Amino acid sequence: MIAVTRLNGTPMWLNALLIETVEETPDTYITLVTGKRFIVLEKSAEIIRLVNQYYTEIGIHAATIKAHQTEELS
């Protein structure tokens, strides 16, 4: 889960594995794979950093890098 802030200032935690897109237009919209959309105060770069940090914490980031390196060797 990553912590984000709704426009009204209340904190919210999102399952980072369900994030499909992050847009900044200029508000930051997060769209989940379920189709739900949220507007948050954080900028898109911060959301991406939080997602990457979460992936690293749970080991997905390392697995993705390893799989990519294996594909390059083929």
PDB file of N, CA and C in Angstrom:
ATOM      1  N   MET A   1       0.840  -1.177   0.000  1.00  0.00           N
ATOM      2  CA  MET A   1       0.000   0.000   0.000  1.00  0.00           C
ATOM      3  C   MET A   1       0.891   1.248   0.000  1.00  0.00           C
ATOM      4  N   ILE A   2       0.422   2.269  -0.694  1.00  0.00           N
ATOM      5  CA  ILE A   2       1.117   3.556  -0.660  1.00  0.00           C
ATOM      6  C   ILE A   2       0.161   4.597  -0.078  1.00  0.00           C
ATOM      7  N   ALA A   3       0.721   5.550   0.653  1.00  0.00           N
ATOM      8  CA  ALA A   3      -0.073   6.617   1.250  1.00  0.00           C
ATOM      9  C   ALA A   3      -0.114   7.812   0.302  1.00  0.00           C
ATOM     10  N   VAL A   4      -1.321   8.297   0.040  1.00  0.00           N
ATOM     11  CA  VAL A   4      -1.520   9.491  -0.770  1.00  0.00           C
ATOM     12  C   VAL A   4      -2.494  10.400  -0.027  1.00  0.00           C
ATOM     13  N   THR A   5      -2.657  11.619  -0.529  1.00  0.00           N
ATOM     14  CA  THR A   5      -3.531  12.589   0.127  1.00  0.00           C
ATOM     15  C   THR A   5      -4.629  13.022  -0.823  1.00  0.00           C
ATOM     16  N   ARG A   6      -5.871  12.880  -0.380  1.00  0.00           N
ATOM     17  CA  ARG A   6      -7.006  13.348  -1.185  1.00  0.00           C
ATOM     18  C   ARG A   6      -6.983  14.874  -1.247  1.00  0.00           C
ATOM     19  N   LEU A   7      -7.751  15.449  -2.163  1.00  0.00           N
ATOM     20  CA  LEU A   7      -7.793  16.900  -2.315  1.00  0.00           C
ATOM     21  C   LEU A   7      -8.254  17.606  -1.046  1.00  0.00           C
ATOM     22  N   ASN A   8      -9.098  16.946  -0.231  1.00  0.00           N
ATOM     23  CA  ASN A   8      -9.586  17.577   0.999  1.00  0.00           C
ATOM     24  C   ASN A   8      -8.595  17.435   2.158  1.00  0.00           C
ATOM     25  N   GLY A   9      -7.411  16.852   1.884  1.00  0.00           N
ATOM     26  CA  GLY A   9      -6.361  16.740   2.898  1.00  0.00           C
ATOM     27  C   GLY A   9      -6.364  15.460   3.702  1.00  0.00           C
ATOM     28  N   THR A  10      -7.337  14.592   3.492  1.00  0.00           N
ATOM     29  CA  THR A  10      -7.372  13.340   4.245  1.00  0.00           C
ATOM     30  C   THR A  10      -6.452  12.306   3.611  1.00  0.00           C
ATOM     31  N   PRO A  11      -5.764  11.521   4.448  1.00  0.00           N
ATOM     32  CA  PRO A  11      -4.880  10.487   3.899  1.00  0.00           C
ATOM     33  C   PRO A  11      -5.688   9.301   3.367  1.00  0.00           C
ATOM     34  N   MET A  12      -5.111   8.636   2.402  1.00  0.00           N
ATOM     35  CA  MET A  12      -5.726   7.453   1.812  1.00  0.00           C
ATOM     36  C   MET A  12      -4.597   6.499   1.438  1.00  0.00           C
ATOM     37  N   TRP A  13      -4.835   5.208   1.561  1.00  0.00           N
ATOM     38  CA  TRP A  13      -3.836   4.216   1.202  1.00  0.00           C
ATOM     39  C   TRP A  13      -4.362   3.413   0.018  1.00  0.00           C
ATOM     40  N   LEU A  14      -3.530   3.305  -1.012  1.00  0.00           N
ATOM     41  CA  LEU A  14      -3.903   2.583  -2.230  1.00  0.00           C
ATOM     42  C   LEU A  14      -3.033   1.344  -2.399  1.00  0.00           C
ATOM     43  N   ASN A  15      -3.628   0.306  -2.931  1.00  0.00           N
ATOM     44  CA  ASN A  15      -2.875  -0.884  -3.285  1.00  0.00           C
ATOM     45  C   ASN A  15      -2.106  -0.568  -4.568  1.00  0.00           C
ATOM     46  N   ALA A  16      -0.795  -0.440  -4.450  1.00  0.00           N
ATOM     47  CA  ALA A  16       0.044  -0.045  -5.589  1.00  0.00           C
ATOM     48  C   ALA A  16      -0.011  -1.058  -6.729  1.00  0.00           C
ATOM     49  N   LEU A  17      -0.344  -2.290  -6.430  1.00  0.00           N
ATOM     50  CA  LEU A  17      -0.409  -3.311  -7.471  1.00  0.00           C
ATOM     51  C   LEU A  17      -1.621  -3.118  -8.390  1.00  0.00           C
ATOM     52  N   LEU A  18      -2.576  -2.314  -7.953  1.00  0.00           N
ATOM     53  CA  LEU A  18      -3.779  -2.089  -8.754  1.00  0.00           C
ATOM     54  C   LEU A  18      -3.735  -0.815  -9.589  1.00  0.00           C
ATOM     55  N   ILE A  19      -2.642  -0.045  -9.490  1.00  0.00           N
ATOM     56  CA  ILE A  19      -2.541   1.207 -10.244  1.00  0.00           C
ATOM     57  C   ILE A  19      -2.258   0.905 -11.711  1.00  0.00           C
ATOM     58  N   GLU A  20      -3.121   1.445 -12.569  1.00  0.00           N
ATOM     59  CA  GLU A  20      -2.943   1.267 -14.009  1.00  0.00           C
ATOM     60  C   GLU A  20      -2.255   2.483 -14.626  1.00  0.00           C
ATOM     61  N   THR A  21      -2.748   3.684 -14.301  1.00  0.00           N
ATOM     62  CA  THR A  21      -2.136   4.895 -14.852  1.00  0.00           C
ATOM     63  C   THR A  21      -2.071   5.990 -13.792  1.00  0.00           C
ATOM     64  N   VAL A  22      -1.115   6.895 -13.991  1.00  0.00           N
ATOM     65  CA  VAL A  22      -0.992   8.108 -13.189  1.00  0.00           C
ATOM     66  C   VAL A  22      -0.870   9.257 -14.181  1.00  0.00           C
ATOM     67  N   GLU A  23      -1.770  10.241 -14.071  1.00  0.00           N
ATOM     68  CA  GLU A  23      -1.776  11.382 -14.984  1.00  0.00           C
ATOM     69  C   GLU A  23      -1.687  12.666 -14.182  1.00  0.00           C
ATOM     70  N   GLU A  24      -1.032  13.656 -14.756  1.00  0.00           N
ATOM     71  CA  GLU A  24      -0.949  14.970 -14.133  1.00  0.00           C
ATOM     72  C   GLU A  24      -1.443  15.993 -15.140  1.00  0.00           C
ATOM     73  N   THR A  25      -2.637  16.563 -14.892  1.00  0.00           N
ATOM     74  CA  THR A  25      -3.283  17.398 -15.915  1.00  0.00           C
ATOM     75  C   THR A  25      -3.985  18.634 -15.386  1.00  0.00           C
ATOM     76  N   PRO A  26      -3.620  19.557 -14.623  1.00  0.00           N
ATOM     77  CA  PRO A  26      -2.485  19.574 -13.716  1.00  0.00           C
ATOM     78  C   PRO A  26      -2.735  18.787 -12.430  1.00  0.00           C
ATOM     79  N   ASP A  27      -4.014  18.476 -12.097  1.00  0.00           N
ATOM     80  CA  ASP A  27      -4.253  17.617 -10.935  1.00  0.00           C
ATOM     81  C   ASP A  27      -3.721  16.225 -11.227  1.00  0.00           C
ATOM     82  N   THR A  28      -3.357  15.510 -10.187  1.00  0.00           N
ATOM     83  CA  THR A  28      -2.847  14.153 -10.364  1.00  0.00           C
ATOM     84  C   THR A  28      -3.991  13.165 -10.222  1.00  0.00           C
ATOM     85  N   TYR A  29      -4.236  12.418 -11.282  1.00  0.00           N
ATOM     86  CA  TYR A  29      -5.268  11.385 -11.306  1.00  0.00           C
ATOM     87  C   TYR A  29      -4.595  10.015 -11.263  1.00  0.00           C
ATOM     88  N   ILE A  30      -5.090   9.160 -10.395  1.00  0.00           N
ATOM     89  CA  ILE A  30      -4.632   7.772 -10.337  1.00  0.00           C
ATOM     90  C   ILE A  30      -5.803   6.916 -10.769  1.00  0.00           C
ATOM     91  N   THR A  31      -5.594   6.093 -11.788  1.00  0.00           N
ATOM     92  CA  THR A  31      -6.622   5.177 -12.255  1.00  0.00           C
ATOM     93  C   THR A  31      -6.206   3.760 -11.905  1.00  0.00           C
ATOM     94  N   LEU A  32      -7.115   3.030 -11.270  1.00  0.00           N
ATOM     95  CA  LEU A  32      -6.849   1.638 -10.910  1.00  0.00           C
ATOM     96  C   LEU A  32      -7.322   0.713 -12.023  1.00  0.00           C
ATOM     97  N   VAL A  33      -6.869  -0.517 -12.002  1.00  0.00           N
ATOM     98  CA  VAL A  33      -7.279  -1.491 -13.019  1.00  0.00           C
ATOM     99  C   VAL A  33      -8.777  -1.773 -12.938  1.00  0.00           C
ATOM    100  N   THR A  34      -9.400  -1.443 -11.822  1.00  0.00           N
ATOM    101  CA  THR A  34     -10.841  -1.628 -11.654  1.00  0.00           C
ATOM    102  C   THR A  34     -11.642  -0.521 -12.339  1.00  0.00           C
ATOM    103  N   GLY A  35     -10.941   0.550 -12.786  1.00  0.00           N
ATOM    104  CA  GLY A  35     -11.606   1.670 -13.417  1.00  0.00           C
ATOM    105  C   GLY A  35     -11.846   2.839 -12.469  1.00  0.00           C
ATOM    106  N   LYS A  36     -11.667   2.609 -11.168  1.00  0.00           N
ATOM    107  CA  LYS A  36     -11.826   3.691 -10.196  1.00  0.00           C
ATOM    108  C   LYS A  36     -10.740   4.731 -10.384  1.00  0.00           C
ATOM    109  N   ARG A  37     -11.117   6.032 -10.244  1.00  0.00           N
ATOM    110  CA  ARG A  37     -10.152   7.120 -10.391  1.00  0.00           C
ATOM    111  C   ARG A  37     -10.136   7.948  -9.118  1.00  0.00           C
ATOM    112  N   PHE A  38      -8.948   8.398  -8.758  1.00  0.00           N
ATOM    113  CA  PHE A  38      -8.763   9.236  -7.589  1.00  0.00           C
ATOM    114  C   PHE A  38      -7.948  10.458  -7.982  1.00  0.00           C
ATOM    115  N   ILE A  39      -8.276  11.599  -7.378  1.00  0.00           N
ATOM    116  CA  ILE A  39      -7.473  12.803  -7.540  1.00  0.00           C
ATOM    117  C   ILE A  39      -6.728  12.999  -6.230  1.00  0.00           C
ATOM    118  N   VAL A  40      -5.413  13.182  -6.323  1.00  0.00           N
ATOM    119  CA  VAL A  40      -4.589  13.311  -5.122  1.00  0.00           C
ATOM    120  C   VAL A  40      -3.710  14.560  -5.205  1.00  0.00           C
ATOM    121  N   LEU A  41      -3.203  14.990  -4.038  1.00  0.00           N
ATOM    122  CA  LEU A  41      -2.364  16.180  -3.979  1.00  0.00           C
ATOM    123  C   LEU A  41      -0.938  15.941  -4.472  1.00  0.00           C
ATOM    124  N   GLU A  42      -0.433  14.716  -4.329  1.00  0.00           N
ATOM    125  CA  GLU A  42       0.939  14.410  -4.730  1.00  0.00           C
ATOM    126  C   GLU A  42       1.091  14.526  -6.246  1.00  0.00           C
ATOM    127  N   LYS A  43       2.275  14.929  -6.679  1.00  0.00           N
ATOM    128  CA  LYS A  43       2.594  14.990  -8.108  1.00  0.00           C
ATOM    129  C   LYS A  43       2.858  13.580  -8.630  1.00  0.00           C
ATOM    130  N   SER A  44       2.760  13.407  -9.938  1.00  0.00           N
ATOM    131  CA  SER A  44       2.930  12.076 -10.535  1.00  0.00           C
ATOM    132  C   SER A  44       4.312  11.486 -10.239  1.00  0.00           C
ATOM    133  N   ALA A  45       5.347  12.309 -10.244  1.00  0.00           N
ATOM    134  CA  ALA A  45       6.700  11.803  -9.960  1.00  0.00           C
ATOM    135  C   ALA A  45       6.778  11.206  -8.559  1.00  0.00           C
ATOM    136  N   GLU A  46       6.081  11.808  -7.600  1.00  0.00           N
ATOM    137  CA  GLU A  46       6.066  11.289  -6.236  1.00  0.00           C
ATOM    138  C   GLU A  46       5.310   9.961  -6.167  1.00  0.00           C
ATOM    139  N   ILE A  47       4.208   9.860  -6.884  1.00  0.00           N
ATOM    140  CA  ILE A  47       3.442   8.609  -6.913  1.00  0.00           C
ATOM    141  C   ILE A  47       4.303   7.500  -7.508  1.00  0.00           C
ATOM    142  N   ILE A  48       4.987   7.794  -8.588  1.00  0.00           N
ATOM    143  CA  ILE A  48       5.853   6.795  -9.228  1.00  0.00           C
ATOM    144  C   ILE A  48       6.973   6.374  -8.277  1.00  0.00           C
ATOM    145  N   ARG A  49       7.551   7.337  -7.554  1.00  0.00           N
ATOM    146  CA  ARG A  49       8.597   7.016  -6.583  1.00  0.00           C
ATOM    147  C   ARG A  49       8.040   6.105  -5.479  1.00  0.00           C
ATOM    148  N   LEU A  50       6.845   6.404  -4.991  1.00  0.00           N
ATOM    149  CA  LEU A  50       6.228   5.586  -3.943  1.00  0.00           C
ATOM    150  C   LEU A  50       5.939   4.164  -4.434  1.00  0.00           C
ATOM    151  N   VAL A  51       5.460   4.065  -5.674  1.00  0.00           N
ATOM    152  CA  VAL A  51       5.172   2.742  -6.244  1.00  0.00           C
ATOM    153  C   VAL A  51       6.465   1.948  -6.404  1.00  0.00           C
ATOM    154  N   ASN A  52       7.514   2.579  -6.937  1.00  0.00           N
ATOM    155  CA  ASN A  52       8.801   1.890  -7.081  1.00  0.00           C
ATOM    156  C   ASN A  52       9.360   1.462  -5.730  1.00  0.00           C
ATOM    157  N   GLN A  53       9.230   2.326  -4.729  1.00  0.00           N
ATOM    158  CA  GLN A  53       9.688   1.986  -3.381  1.00  0.00           C
ATOM    159  C   GLN A  53       8.909   0.795  -2.837  1.00  0.00           C
ATOM    160  N   TYR A  54       7.601   0.784  -3.045  1.00  0.00           N
ATOM    161  CA  TYR A  54       6.766  -0.338  -2.590  1.00  0.00           C
ATOM    162  C   TYR A  54       7.169  -1.627  -3.306  1.00  0.00           C
ATOM    163  N   TYR A  55       7.348  -1.553  -4.616  1.00  0.00           N
ATOM    164  CA  TYR A  55       7.775  -2.734  -5.368  1.00  0.00           C
ATOM    165  C   TYR A  55       9.103  -3.270  -4.854  1.00  0.00           C
ATOM    166  N   THR A  56      10.025  -2.383  -4.535  1.00  0.00           N
ATOM    167  CA  THR A  56      11.320  -2.797  -4.002  1.00  0.00           C
ATOM    168  C   THR A  56      11.150  -3.480  -2.653  1.00  0.00           C
ATOM    169  N   GLU A  57      10.297  -2.916  -1.804  1.00  0.00           N
ATOM    170  CA  GLU A  57      10.065  -3.478  -0.474  1.00  0.00           C
ATOM    171  C   GLU A  57       9.496  -4.893  -0.525  1.00  0.00           C
ATOM    172  N   ILE A  58       8.626  -5.147  -1.492  1.00  0.00           N
ATOM    173  CA  ILE A  58       8.013  -6.478  -1.555  1.00  0.00           C
ATOM    174  C   ILE A  58       8.735  -7.427  -2.515  1.00  0.00           C
ATOM    175  N   GLY A  59       9.789  -6.936  -3.166  1.00  0.00           N
ATOM    176  CA  GLY A  59      10.615  -7.800  -3.999  1.00  0.00           C
ATOM    177  C   GLY A  59      10.219  -7.897  -5.449  1.00  0.00           C
ATOM    178  N   ILE A  60       9.192  -7.194  -5.865  1.00  0.00           N
ATOM    179  CA  ILE A  60       8.775  -7.256  -7.273  1.00  0.00           C
ATOM    180  C   ILE A  60       9.771  -6.534  -8.165  1.00  0.00           C
ATOM    181  N   HIS A  61      10.308  -5.418  -7.703  1.00  0.00           N
ATOM    182  CA  HIS A  61      11.238  -4.632  -8.512  1.00  0.00           C
ATOM    183  C   HIS A  61      12.464  -5.464  -8.888  1.00  0.00           C
ATOM    184  N   ALA A  62      13.026  -6.173  -7.908  1.00  0.00           N
ATOM    185  CA  ALA A  62      14.206  -7.001  -8.170  1.00  0.00           C
ATOM    186  C   ALA A  62      13.864  -8.138  -9.130  1.00  0.00           C
ATOM    187  N   ALA A  63      12.690  -8.730  -8.976  1.00  0.00           N
ATOM    188  CA  ALA A  63      12.280  -9.822  -9.863  1.00  0.00           C
ATOM    189  C   ALA A  63      12.101  -9.322 -11.285  1.00  0.00           C
ATOM    190  N   THR A  64      11.573  -8.119 -11.439  1.00  0.00           N
ATOM    191  CA  THR A  64      11.377  -7.540 -12.765  1.00  0.00           C
ATOM    192  C   THR A  64      12.713  -7.266 -13.440  1.00  0.00           C
ATOM    193  N   ILE A  65      13.658  -6.718 -12.689  1.00  0.00           N
ATOM    194  CA  ILE A  65      14.989  -6.453 -13.232  1.00  0.00           C
ATOM    195  C   ILE A  65      15.656  -7.758 -13.640  1.00  0.00           C
ATOM    196  N   LYS A  66      15.565  -8.780 -12.814  1.00  0.00           N
ATOM    197  CA  LYS A  66      16.179 -10.085 -13.097  1.00  0.00           C
ATOM    198  C   LYS A  66      15.565 -10.685 -14.363  1.00  0.00           C
ATOM    199  N   ALA A  67      14.239 -10.614 -14.499  1.00  0.00           N
ATOM    200  CA  ALA A  67      13.580 -11.154 -15.685  1.00  0.00           C
ATOM    201  C   ALA A  67      13.997 -10.388 -16.937  1.00  0.00           C
ATOM    202  N   HIS A  68      14.135  -9.080 -16.828  1.00  0.00           N
ATOM    203  CA  HIS A  68      14.556  -8.274 -17.968  1.00  0.00           C
ATOM    204  C   HIS A  68      15.990  -8.615 -18.369  1.00  0.00           C
ATOM    205  N   GLN A  69      16.877  -8.802 -17.394  1.00  0.00           N
ATOM    206  CA  GLN A  69      18.267  -9.164 -17.690  1.00  0.00           C
ATOM    207  C   GLN A  69      18.328 -10.537 -18.361  1.00  0.00           C
ATOM    208  N   THR A  70      17.503 -11.461 -17.917  1.00  0.00           N
ATOM    209  CA  THR A  70      17.462 -12.793 -18.512  1.00  0.00           C
ATOM    210  C   THR A  70      17.011 -12.715 -19.965  1.00  0.00           C
ATOM    211  N   GLU A  71      16.012 -11.876 -20.256  1.00  0.00           N
ATOM    212  CA  GLU A  71      15.541 -11.712 -21.622  1.00  0.00           C
ATOM    213  C   GLU A  71      16.610 -11.140 -22.527  1.00  0.00           C
ATOM    214  N   GLU A  72      17.429 -10.225 -21.999  1.00  0.00           N
ATOM    215  CA  GLU A  72      18.497  -9.621 -22.801  1.00  0.00           C
ATOM    216  C   GLU A  72      19.564 -10.633 -23.155  1.00  0.00           C
ATOM    217  N   LEU A  73      19.788 -11.623 -22.315  1.00  0.00           N
ATOM    218  CA  LEU A  73      20.810 -12.631 -22.567  1.00  0.00           C
ATOM    219  C   LEU A  73      20.374 -13.637 -23.630  1.00  0.00           C
ATOM    220  N   SER A  74      19.067 -13.737 -23.844  1.00  0.00           N
ATOM    221  CA  SER A  74      18.556 -14.729 -24.805  1.00  0.00           C
ATOM    222  C   SER A  74      18.806 -14.326 -26.225  1.00  0.00           C
TER     223      SER A  74
END
